[in-house]
Amino acid sequence: MILTNHRTKMRSRKIVHEKTLKRIDWKIVKRIITLLYTEGGKKRTELAMKSNVSYHKCILYLKWMETLELIIKKHDDKGHEKISLTERGMRLYKKEMD
């Protein structure tokens, strides 16, 4: 009886595996930052397409860049989430990629 209850509890738990970047491809970072600098705020899907990265990989890079405070997420007047560079992201572009 105790074993059955234990198995039931184990089945009801969700195990979430969050993907993370294993290594940083600086060419991808450069493409994303350059796009945001030259064209301004973009939606995630548009960023992925224009930077030639899969949507899921782009999301991982954006999460990483957000933790480094290189980007910020804002909502436009229509409620769409737009990604923009922070001051720190702009300084990085000017220093390393200009």
N, C-alpha and C. Protein backbone atom coordinates (compact mmCIF):
# COMPACT_ATOMS: atom_id res chain seq x y z
N MET A 1 0.81 -1.19 0.00
CA MET A 1 0.00 0.00 0.00
C MET A 1 0.86 1.26 0.00
N ILE A 2 1.88 1.32 0.80
CA ILE A 2 2.76 2.49 0.85
C ILE A 2 3.47 2.67 -0.49
N LEU A 3 3.90 1.58 -1.10
CA LEU A 3 4.57 1.64 -2.39
C LEU A 3 3.64 2.20 -3.46
N THR A 4 2.39 1.81 -3.46
CA THR A 4 1.42 2.31 -4.43
C THR A 4 1.22 3.82 -4.26
N ASN A 5 1.08 4.28 -3.03
CA ASN A 5 0.93 5.71 -2.80
C ASN A 5 2.16 6.48 -3.27
N HIS A 6 3.33 5.93 -3.03
CA HIS A 6 4.57 6.56 -3.45
C HIS A 6 4.62 6.68 -4.96
N ARG A 7 4.26 5.64 -5.67
CA ARG A 7 4.26 5.68 -7.14
C ARG A 7 3.26 6.70 -7.66
N THR A 8 2.12 6.77 -7.05
CA THR A 8 1.11 7.73 -7.48
C THR A 8 1.63 9.16 -7.32
N LYS A 9 2.27 9.42 -6.22
CA LYS A 9 2.83 10.75 -6.00
C LYS A 9 3.92 11.05 -7.03
N MET A 10 4.72 10.08 -7.31
CA MET A 10 5.79 10.28 -8.28
C MET A 10 5.22 10.57 -9.66
N ARG A 11 4.14 9.92 -10.04
CA ARG A 11 3.53 10.16 -11.35
C ARG A 11 2.92 11.54 -11.43
N SER A 12 2.42 12.03 -10.30
CA SER A 12 1.74 13.33 -10.33
C SER A 12 2.73 14.50 -10.35
N ARG A 13 3.96 14.26 -9.98
CA ARG A 13 4.97 15.33 -10.01
C ARG A 13 5.43 15.57 -11.45
N LYS A 14 5.65 16.81 -11.75
CA LYS A 14 6.18 17.15 -13.06
C LYS A 14 7.66 17.42 -12.92
N ILE A 15 8.42 16.85 -13.80
CA ILE A 15 9.85 17.10 -13.83
C ILE A 15 10.10 18.03 -15.01
N VAL A 16 10.58 19.22 -14.72
CA VAL A 16 10.80 20.22 -15.75
C VAL A 16 12.30 20.32 -16.00
N HIS A 17 12.66 20.15 -17.24
CA HIS A 17 14.06 20.28 -17.65
C HIS A 17 14.16 21.55 -18.50
N GLU A 18 14.76 22.56 -17.95
CA GLU A 18 14.91 23.80 -18.68
C GLU A 18 16.22 23.74 -19.45
N LYS A 19 16.13 24.01 -20.74
CA LYS A 19 17.33 23.98 -21.56
C LYS A 19 18.15 25.24 -21.32
N THR A 20 19.45 25.08 -21.37
CA THR A 20 20.35 26.22 -21.23
C THR A 20 21.40 26.12 -22.34
N LEU A 21 22.07 27.20 -22.56
CA LEU A 21 23.13 27.21 -23.56
C LEU A 21 24.34 26.47 -23.00
N LYS A 22 24.90 25.61 -23.80
CA LYS A 22 26.09 24.87 -23.37
C LYS A 22 27.36 25.67 -23.68
N ARG A 23 27.30 26.41 -24.76
CA ARG A 23 28.41 27.29 -25.11
C ARG A 23 27.84 28.48 -25.87
N ILE A 24 28.53 29.58 -25.81
CA ILE A 24 28.07 30.80 -26.45
C ILE A 24 28.72 30.93 -27.81
N ASP A 25 27.91 31.06 -28.84
CA ASP A 25 28.40 31.34 -30.18
C ASP A 25 28.36 32.86 -30.34
N TRP A 26 29.51 33.49 -30.31
CA TRP A 26 29.57 34.94 -30.32
C TRP A 26 29.12 35.54 -31.64
N LYS A 27 29.14 34.76 -32.71
CA LYS A 27 28.62 35.25 -33.99
C LYS A 27 27.11 35.47 -33.89
N ILE A 28 26.41 34.59 -33.18
CA ILE A 28 24.97 34.74 -32.99
C ILE A 28 24.68 35.96 -32.12
N VAL A 29 25.44 36.11 -31.05
CA VAL A 29 25.28 37.27 -30.16
C VAL A 29 25.49 38.55 -30.95
N LYS A 30 26.51 38.56 -31.77
CA LYS A 30 26.81 39.75 -32.59
C LYS A 30 25.67 40.06 -33.54
N ARG A 31 25.12 39.03 -34.19
CA ARG A 31 24.00 39.26 -35.13
C ARG A 31 22.79 39.84 -34.41
N ILE A 32 22.46 39.29 -33.25
CA ILE A 32 21.29 39.76 -32.50
C ILE A 32 21.50 41.20 -32.04
N ILE A 33 22.65 41.48 -31.46
CA ILE A 33 22.92 42.83 -30.97
C ILE A 33 22.97 43.84 -32.11
N THR A 34 23.56 43.47 -33.22
CA THR A 34 23.62 44.37 -34.38
C THR A 34 22.23 44.67 -34.90
N LEU A 35 21.38 43.66 -35.00
CA LEU A 35 20.00 43.88 -35.44
C LEU A 35 19.26 44.82 -34.51
N LEU A 36 19.38 44.59 -33.22
CA LEU A 36 18.69 45.44 -32.26
C LEU A 36 19.23 46.86 -32.28
N TYR A 37 20.51 47.02 -32.50
CA TYR A 37 21.11 48.36 -32.53
C TYR A 37 20.69 49.12 -33.79
N THR A 38 20.74 48.46 -34.93
CA THR A 38 20.47 49.15 -36.19
C THR A 38 18.98 49.30 -36.49
N GLU A 39 18.16 48.37 -36.03
CA GLU A 39 16.75 48.39 -36.39
C GLU A 39 15.81 48.65 -35.22
N GLY A 40 16.32 48.74 -34.02
CA GLY A 40 15.48 49.02 -32.85
C GLY A 40 14.76 47.79 -32.34
N GLY A 41 13.71 48.00 -31.54
CA GLY A 41 12.98 46.91 -30.91
C GLY A 41 12.36 45.93 -31.89
N LYS A 42 12.48 44.67 -31.60
CA LYS A 42 11.97 43.60 -32.46
C LYS A 42 11.23 42.57 -31.62
N LYS A 43 10.30 41.88 -32.26
CA LYS A 43 9.65 40.73 -31.64
C LYS A 43 10.62 39.56 -31.68
N ARG A 44 10.39 38.59 -30.81
CA ARG A 44 11.28 37.43 -30.73
C ARG A 44 11.35 36.65 -32.04
N THR A 45 10.20 36.43 -32.66
CA THR A 45 10.16 35.66 -33.91
C THR A 45 10.94 36.37 -35.01
N GLU A 46 10.75 37.67 -35.11
CA GLU A 46 11.46 38.45 -36.12
C GLU A 46 12.96 38.43 -35.89
N LEU A 47 13.35 38.53 -34.62
CA LEU A 47 14.78 38.46 -34.29
C LEU A 47 15.38 37.11 -34.70
N ALA A 48 14.65 36.05 -34.42
CA ALA A 48 15.14 34.71 -34.77
C ALA A 48 15.31 34.58 -36.28
N MET A 49 14.32 35.04 -37.03
CA MET A 49 14.40 34.92 -38.50
C MET A 49 15.52 35.77 -39.07
N LYS A 50 15.60 37.02 -38.64
CA LYS A 50 16.60 37.93 -39.21
C LYS A 50 18.03 37.60 -38.79
N SER A 51 18.18 36.96 -37.63
CA SER A 51 19.52 36.59 -37.19
C SER A 51 19.89 35.17 -37.62
N ASN A 52 18.98 34.52 -38.33
CA ASN A 52 19.22 33.19 -38.89
C ASN A 52 19.52 32.14 -37.81
N VAL A 53 18.66 32.15 -36.77
CA VAL A 53 18.78 31.21 -35.66
C VAL A 53 17.40 30.61 -35.43
N SER A 54 17.36 29.35 -35.00
CA SER A 54 16.06 28.75 -34.70
C SER A 54 15.40 29.53 -33.56
N TYR A 55 14.08 29.52 -33.52
CA TYR A 55 13.33 30.28 -32.51
C TYR A 55 13.75 29.86 -31.11
N HIS A 56 13.83 28.56 -30.86
CA HIS A 56 14.15 28.07 -29.51
C HIS A 56 15.57 28.46 -29.09
N LYS A 57 16.50 28.41 -30.03
CA LYS A 57 17.87 28.82 -29.70
C LYS A 57 17.93 30.33 -29.46
N CYS A 58 17.16 31.07 -30.23
CA CYS A 58 17.11 32.52 -30.05
C CYS A 58 16.59 32.86 -28.66
N ILE A 59 15.57 32.16 -28.21
CA ILE A 59 15.01 32.39 -26.87
C ILE A 59 16.07 32.14 -25.80
N LEU A 60 16.87 31.08 -25.97
CA LEU A 60 17.93 30.79 -25.01
C LEU A 60 18.96 31.92 -24.97
N TYR A 61 19.32 32.43 -26.16
CA TYR A 61 20.27 33.54 -26.21
C TYR A 61 19.68 34.80 -25.58
N LEU A 62 18.40 35.04 -25.82
CA LEU A 62 17.76 36.22 -25.24
C LEU A 62 17.69 36.13 -23.72
N LYS A 63 17.42 34.94 -23.19
CA LYS A 63 17.41 34.76 -21.74
C LYS A 63 18.80 35.04 -21.17
N TRP A 64 19.81 34.52 -21.84
CA TRP A 64 21.19 34.72 -21.41
C TRP A 64 21.55 36.20 -21.46
N MET A 65 21.19 36.87 -22.55
CA MET A 65 21.49 38.29 -22.72
C MET A 65 20.73 39.15 -21.72
N GLU A 66 19.53 38.70 -21.34
CA GLU A 66 18.76 39.44 -20.35
C GLU A 66 19.41 39.34 -18.97
N THR A 67 19.98 38.18 -18.64
CA THR A 67 20.65 38.05 -17.34
C THR A 67 21.90 38.93 -17.27
N LEU A 68 22.50 39.20 -18.43
CA LEU A 68 23.67 40.09 -18.47
C LEU A 68 23.26 41.55 -18.62
N GLU A 69 21.96 41.80 -18.64
CA GLU A 69 21.39 43.14 -18.77
C GLU A 69 21.81 43.82 -20.06
N LEU A 70 21.89 43.04 -21.14
CA LEU A 70 22.19 43.60 -22.46
C LEU A 70 20.91 43.97 -23.20
N ILE A 71 19.81 43.29 -22.85
CA ILE A 71 18.52 43.56 -23.50
C ILE A 71 17.44 43.78 -22.45
N ILE A 72 16.34 44.35 -22.90
CA ILE A 72 15.19 44.52 -22.04
C ILE A 72 13.94 44.20 -22.86
N LYS A 73 12.95 43.62 -22.20
CA LYS A 73 11.69 43.29 -22.85
C LYS A 73 10.67 44.36 -22.49
N LYS A 74 10.01 44.90 -23.50
CA LYS A 74 8.97 45.90 -23.29
C LYS A 74 7.76 45.52 -24.11
N HIS A 75 6.60 46.01 -23.71
CA HIS A 75 5.37 45.78 -24.47
C HIS A 75 5.01 47.06 -25.21
N ASP A 76 4.68 46.91 -26.50
CA ASP A 76 4.26 48.08 -27.27
C ASP A 76 2.79 48.39 -27.00
N ASP A 77 2.25 49.37 -27.70
CA ASP A 77 0.87 49.79 -27.46
C ASP A 77 -0.16 48.73 -27.84
N LYS A 78 0.23 47.76 -28.66
CA LYS A 78 -0.67 46.67 -29.04
C LYS A 78 -0.53 45.46 -28.10
N GLY A 79 0.37 45.54 -27.14
CA GLY A 79 0.57 44.45 -26.19
C GLY A 79 1.60 43.42 -26.63
N HIS A 80 2.29 43.66 -27.75
CA HIS A 80 3.31 42.74 -28.23
C HIS A 80 4.62 42.98 -27.50
N GLU A 81 5.29 41.89 -27.16
CA GLU A 81 6.58 42.01 -26.48
C GLU A 81 7.66 42.33 -27.49
N LYS A 82 8.40 43.39 -27.22
CA LYS A 82 9.50 43.80 -28.07
C LYS A 82 10.79 43.74 -27.27
N ILE A 83 11.85 43.34 -27.94
CA ILE A 83 13.18 43.24 -27.33
C ILE A 83 13.98 44.46 -27.77
N SER A 84 14.62 45.12 -26.84
CA SER A 84 15.46 46.28 -27.15
C SER A 84 16.77 46.17 -26.39
N LEU A 85 17.76 46.89 -26.88
CA LEU A 85 19.04 46.94 -26.18
C LEU A 85 18.96 47.90 -25.00
N THR A 86 19.64 47.54 -23.95
CA THR A 86 19.80 48.46 -22.82
C THR A 86 21.00 49.36 -23.12
N GLU A 87 21.26 50.31 -22.24
CA GLU A 87 22.45 51.15 -22.39
C GLU A 87 23.71 50.29 -22.42
N ARG A 88 23.72 49.27 -21.58
CA ARG A 88 24.87 48.37 -21.53
C ARG A 88 25.05 47.64 -22.87
N GLY A 89 23.94 47.20 -23.46
CA GLY A 89 23.98 46.53 -24.76
C GLY A 89 24.47 47.46 -25.86
N MET A 90 24.04 48.73 -25.80
CA MET A 90 24.49 49.71 -26.79
C MET A 90 25.98 49.99 -26.66
N ARG A 91 26.44 50.09 -25.41
CA ARG A 91 27.88 50.29 -25.18
C ARG A 91 28.69 49.12 -25.72
N LEU A 92 28.19 47.90 -25.52
CA LEU A 92 28.87 46.71 -26.03
C LEU A 92 28.96 46.77 -27.55
N TYR A 93 27.86 47.15 -28.20
CA TYR A 93 27.88 47.26 -29.66
C TYR A 93 28.91 48.28 -30.12
N LYS A 94 28.88 49.46 -29.52
CA LYS A 94 29.79 50.52 -29.93
C LYS A 94 31.26 50.16 -29.67
N LYS A 95 31.51 49.45 -28.57
CA LYS A 95 32.88 49.10 -28.20
C LYS A 95 33.42 47.93 -29.03
N GLU A 96 32.62 46.89 -29.22
CA GLU A 96 33.12 45.65 -29.82
C GLU A 96 32.72 45.41 -31.27
N MET A 97 31.61 46.00 -31.71
CA MET A 97 31.06 45.58 -33.00
C MET A 97 30.96 46.70 -34.02
N ASP A 98 31.31 47.89 -33.65
CA ASP A 98 31.18 49.02 -34.54
C ASP A 98 32.27 49.04 -35.58
